[in-house]
Amino acid sequence: MSPQFPLRWAVHVPTAKCTRSQLQTATQIVQEDELKRINRFVFRRDAESSLIGRLLLRKCLKEVLGLSRSEERRVGKECRSR
C-alpha cells in the first residue's frame, strides 16, 4: 500500500493563516490526550505548530497506510501503551 514515489508534506507555519474556526475544527480531530499536551504550550504559534504536526501524521496514516479514523485511534492507543 505504500506509494512508489517519495512522499513529502510541508507546512510553513509562520505563513499559515489559520482562522479561529479552522483551529477549532482541527482540535476536534486530534485525540483528547494530544489536545491536552498541545494546550500546555505557552505560545500560540508553538501550539499551532504541534497541532499541524499531529494533523500531518494523521494524513499520512490515512493516505499512505489507508487507515480509517477508528484504526488510527487504535494504533495510537497501542503506541502509547508501550
N, C-alpha and C. Protein backbone atom coordinates (compact mmCIF):
# COMPACT_ATOMS: atom_id res chain seq x y z
N MET A 1 0.79 -1.20 0.00
CA MET A 1 0.00 0.00 0.00
C MET A 1 0.83 1.27 0.00
N SER A 2 2.12 1.15 0.29
CA SER A 2 2.94 2.35 0.34
C SER A 2 3.15 2.89 -1.07
N PRO A 3 3.29 4.20 -1.19
CA PRO A 3 3.45 4.80 -2.52
C PRO A 3 4.78 4.40 -3.14
N GLN A 4 4.81 4.40 -4.46
CA GLN A 4 6.01 4.03 -5.20
C GLN A 4 6.89 5.25 -5.47
N PHE A 5 6.63 6.33 -4.81
CA PHE A 5 7.38 7.57 -5.01
C PHE A 5 7.65 8.21 -3.65
N PRO A 6 8.67 9.05 -3.58
CA PRO A 6 8.91 9.74 -2.30
C PRO A 6 7.73 10.64 -1.96
N LEU A 7 7.41 10.69 -0.71
CA LEU A 7 6.27 11.48 -0.26
C LEU A 7 6.76 12.51 0.74
N ARG A 8 6.39 13.76 0.51
CA ARG A 8 6.81 14.82 1.43
C ARG A 8 5.69 15.85 1.53
N TRP A 9 5.32 16.14 2.76
CA TRP A 9 4.37 17.21 3.03
C TRP A 9 5.07 18.24 3.89
N ALA A 10 4.79 19.48 3.65
CA ALA A 10 5.41 20.54 4.45
C ALA A 10 4.42 21.69 4.63
N VAL A 11 4.51 22.30 5.79
CA VAL A 11 3.70 23.48 6.08
C VAL A 11 4.64 24.52 6.68
N HIS A 12 4.66 25.67 6.09
CA HIS A 12 5.45 26.77 6.65
C HIS A 12 4.54 27.51 7.63
N VAL A 13 4.67 27.15 8.89
CA VAL A 13 3.75 27.61 9.93
C VAL A 13 3.66 29.13 10.02
N PRO A 14 4.79 29.87 9.96
CA PRO A 14 4.64 31.33 10.08
C PRO A 14 3.76 31.97 9.01
N THR A 15 3.66 31.35 7.85
CA THR A 15 2.83 31.92 6.79
C THR A 15 1.46 31.25 6.71
N ALA A 16 1.25 30.20 7.49
CA ALA A 16 -0.05 29.54 7.50
C ALA A 16 -1.03 30.42 8.26
N LYS A 17 -2.05 30.86 7.62
CA LYS A 17 -3.04 31.74 8.24
C LYS A 17 -4.28 30.92 8.58
N CYS A 18 -4.32 30.41 9.79
CA CYS A 18 -5.45 29.60 10.25
C CYS A 18 -6.47 30.50 10.93
N THR A 19 -7.71 30.36 10.53
CA THR A 19 -8.77 31.11 11.21
C THR A 19 -9.11 30.41 12.52
N ARG A 20 -9.77 31.10 13.39
CA ARG A 20 -10.20 30.51 14.67
C ARG A 20 -11.11 29.30 14.41
N SER A 21 -11.97 29.42 13.41
CA SER A 21 -12.87 28.32 13.07
C SER A 21 -12.10 27.09 12.60
N GLN A 22 -11.08 27.29 11.78
CA GLN A 22 -10.26 26.17 11.31
C GLN A 22 -9.52 25.51 12.46
N LEU A 23 -9.00 26.31 13.38
CA LEU A 23 -8.30 25.74 14.54
C LEU A 23 -9.26 24.95 15.42
N GLN A 24 -10.48 25.45 15.60
CA GLN A 24 -11.46 24.71 16.41
C GLN A 24 -11.80 23.37 15.76
N THR A 25 -11.95 23.37 14.45
CA THR A 25 -12.23 22.13 13.74
C THR A 25 -11.06 21.17 13.89
N ALA A 26 -9.86 21.68 13.75
CA ALA A 26 -8.65 20.84 13.85
C ALA A 26 -8.53 20.23 15.24
N THR A 27 -8.86 20.99 16.28
CA THR A 27 -8.74 20.45 17.64
C THR A 27 -9.76 19.35 17.91
N GLN A 28 -10.83 19.30 17.13
CA GLN A 28 -11.81 18.23 17.29
C GLN A 28 -11.34 16.93 16.65
N ILE A 29 -10.34 17.01 15.80
CA ILE A 29 -9.84 15.83 15.10
C ILE A 29 -8.84 15.06 15.96
N VAL A 30 -7.99 15.77 16.68
CA VAL A 30 -6.95 15.10 17.47
C VAL A 30 -7.55 14.50 18.74
N GLN A 31 -6.87 13.52 19.28
CA GLN A 31 -7.35 12.85 20.48
C GLN A 31 -7.18 13.75 21.70
N GLU A 32 -7.96 13.44 22.74
CA GLU A 32 -8.00 14.28 23.93
C GLU A 32 -6.63 14.45 24.59
N ASP A 33 -5.87 13.36 24.71
CA ASP A 33 -4.56 13.48 25.35
C ASP A 33 -3.59 14.32 24.51
N GLU A 34 -3.72 14.24 23.18
CA GLU A 34 -2.90 15.08 22.30
C GLU A 34 -3.27 16.54 22.50
N LEU A 35 -4.56 16.82 22.60
CA LEU A 35 -5.02 18.18 22.76
C LEU A 35 -4.57 18.76 24.10
N LYS A 36 -4.58 17.96 25.15
CA LYS A 36 -4.10 18.43 26.45
C LYS A 36 -2.63 18.83 26.37
N ARG A 37 -1.84 18.02 25.68
CA ARG A 37 -0.41 18.34 25.52
C ARG A 37 -0.24 19.62 24.70
N ILE A 38 -0.99 19.75 23.65
CA ILE A 38 -0.91 20.94 22.80
C ILE A 38 -1.30 22.19 23.58
N ASN A 39 -2.32 22.08 24.42
CA ASN A 39 -2.80 23.23 25.19
C ASN A 39 -1.82 23.68 26.27
N ARG A 40 -0.81 22.89 26.56
CA ARG A 40 0.19 23.29 27.56
C ARG A 40 1.24 24.26 27.01
N PHE A 41 1.29 24.43 25.69
CA PHE A 41 2.24 25.37 25.11
C PHE A 41 1.92 26.79 25.57
N VAL A 42 2.96 27.57 25.80
CA VAL A 42 2.79 28.95 26.25
C VAL A 42 2.44 29.85 25.07
N PHE A 43 3.12 29.64 23.96
CA PHE A 43 2.92 30.50 22.79
C PHE A 43 1.99 29.83 21.79
N ARG A 44 1.07 30.62 21.26
CA ARG A 44 0.07 30.11 20.32
C ARG A 44 0.74 29.49 19.09
N ARG A 45 1.79 30.14 18.59
CA ARG A 45 2.48 29.63 17.40
C ARG A 45 3.01 28.22 17.63
N ASP A 46 3.54 27.95 18.84
CA ASP A 46 4.04 26.61 19.16
C ASP A 46 2.91 25.60 19.20
N ALA A 47 1.78 26.00 19.77
CA ALA A 47 0.62 25.11 19.83
C ALA A 47 0.11 24.80 18.43
N GLU A 48 0.05 25.82 17.59
CA GLU A 48 -0.40 25.61 16.21
C GLU A 48 0.57 24.70 15.46
N SER A 49 1.86 24.87 15.67
CA SER A 49 2.85 24.01 15.01
C SER A 49 2.67 22.56 15.43
N SER A 50 2.46 22.34 16.71
CA SER A 50 2.26 20.99 17.22
C SER A 50 0.97 20.38 16.65
N LEU A 51 -0.08 21.18 16.63
CA LEU A 51 -1.37 20.71 16.09
C LEU A 51 -1.22 20.34 14.61
N ILE A 52 -0.56 21.18 13.85
CA ILE A 52 -0.35 20.90 12.43
C ILE A 52 0.46 19.62 12.25
N GLY A 53 1.46 19.42 13.09
CA GLY A 53 2.25 18.19 13.03
C GLY A 53 1.40 16.95 13.28
N ARG A 54 0.52 17.02 14.27
CA ARG A 54 -0.37 15.88 14.56
C ARG A 54 -1.30 15.62 13.38
N LEU A 55 -1.81 16.68 12.78
CA LEU A 55 -2.71 16.52 11.64
C LEU A 55 -1.98 15.92 10.44
N LEU A 56 -0.72 16.31 10.24
CA LEU A 56 0.06 15.72 9.14
C LEU A 56 0.30 14.23 9.37
N LEU A 57 0.54 13.85 10.63
CA LEU A 57 0.70 12.42 10.94
C LEU A 57 -0.59 11.66 10.63
N ARG A 58 -1.71 12.23 10.98
CA ARG A 58 -3.00 11.58 10.69
C ARG A 58 -3.21 11.44 9.19
N LYS A 59 -2.87 12.50 8.45
CA LYS A 59 -3.00 12.45 6.99
C LYS A 59 -2.12 11.34 6.42
N CYS A 60 -0.92 11.20 6.95
CA CYS A 60 -0.01 10.15 6.50
C CYS A 60 -0.62 8.78 6.75
N LEU A 61 -1.16 8.57 7.95
CA LEU A 61 -1.78 7.28 8.26
C LEU A 61 -2.90 6.96 7.30
N LYS A 62 -3.68 7.97 6.97
CA LYS A 62 -4.82 7.76 6.07
C LYS A 62 -4.36 7.54 4.62
N GLU A 63 -3.51 8.43 4.14
CA GLU A 63 -3.12 8.39 2.73
C GLU A 63 -2.17 7.24 2.39
N VAL A 64 -1.17 7.03 3.22
CA VAL A 64 -0.14 6.04 2.90
C VAL A 64 -0.55 4.64 3.33
N LEU A 65 -1.08 4.53 4.54
CA LEU A 65 -1.43 3.21 5.05
C LEU A 65 -2.89 2.85 4.83
N GLY A 66 -3.70 3.82 4.46
CA GLY A 66 -5.11 3.57 4.20
C GLY A 66 -5.92 3.28 5.45
N LEU A 67 -5.48 3.82 6.60
CA LEU A 67 -6.19 3.57 7.85
C LEU A 67 -7.40 4.48 7.99
N SER A 68 -8.47 3.92 8.56
CA SER A 68 -9.65 4.72 8.87
C SER A 68 -9.41 5.45 10.18
N ARG A 69 -10.31 6.34 10.54
CA ARG A 69 -10.16 7.10 11.78
C ARG A 69 -10.15 6.18 13.00
N SER A 70 -11.01 5.17 13.02
CA SER A 70 -11.03 4.25 14.17
C SER A 70 -9.74 3.43 14.24
N GLU A 71 -9.19 3.06 13.08
CA GLU A 71 -7.92 2.33 13.06
C GLU A 71 -6.78 3.23 13.53
N GLU A 72 -6.83 4.52 13.17
CA GLU A 72 -5.81 5.47 13.64
C GLU A 72 -5.82 5.52 15.16
N ARG A 73 -6.99 5.59 15.74
CA ARG A 73 -7.11 5.67 17.21
C ARG A 73 -6.55 4.41 17.87
N ARG A 74 -6.86 3.26 17.27
CA ARG A 74 -6.37 2.00 17.84
C ARG A 74 -4.84 1.95 17.79
N VAL A 75 -4.27 2.34 16.66
CA VAL A 75 -2.81 2.36 16.52
C VAL A 75 -2.21 3.33 17.53
N GLY A 76 -2.83 4.50 17.68
CA GLY A 76 -2.34 5.49 18.63
C GLY A 76 -2.34 4.96 20.05
N LYS A 77 -3.41 4.26 20.43
CA LYS A 77 -3.50 3.71 21.78
C LYS A 77 -2.43 2.64 21.99
N GLU A 78 -2.21 1.79 20.99
CA GLU A 78 -1.20 0.75 21.10
C GLU A 78 0.19 1.36 21.24
N CYS A 79 0.47 2.41 20.50
CA CYS A 79 1.80 3.03 20.57
C CYS A 79 2.02 3.70 21.92
N ARG A 80 0.99 4.31 22.47
CA ARG A 80 1.14 4.98 23.77
C ARG A 80 1.26 3.99 24.91
N SER A 81 0.72 2.78 24.76
CA SER A 81 0.76 1.81 25.85
C SER A 81 2.12 1.10 25.95
N ARG A 82 2.98 1.31 25.00
CA ARG A 82 4.30 0.65 25.00
C ARG A 82 5.29 1.38 25.84
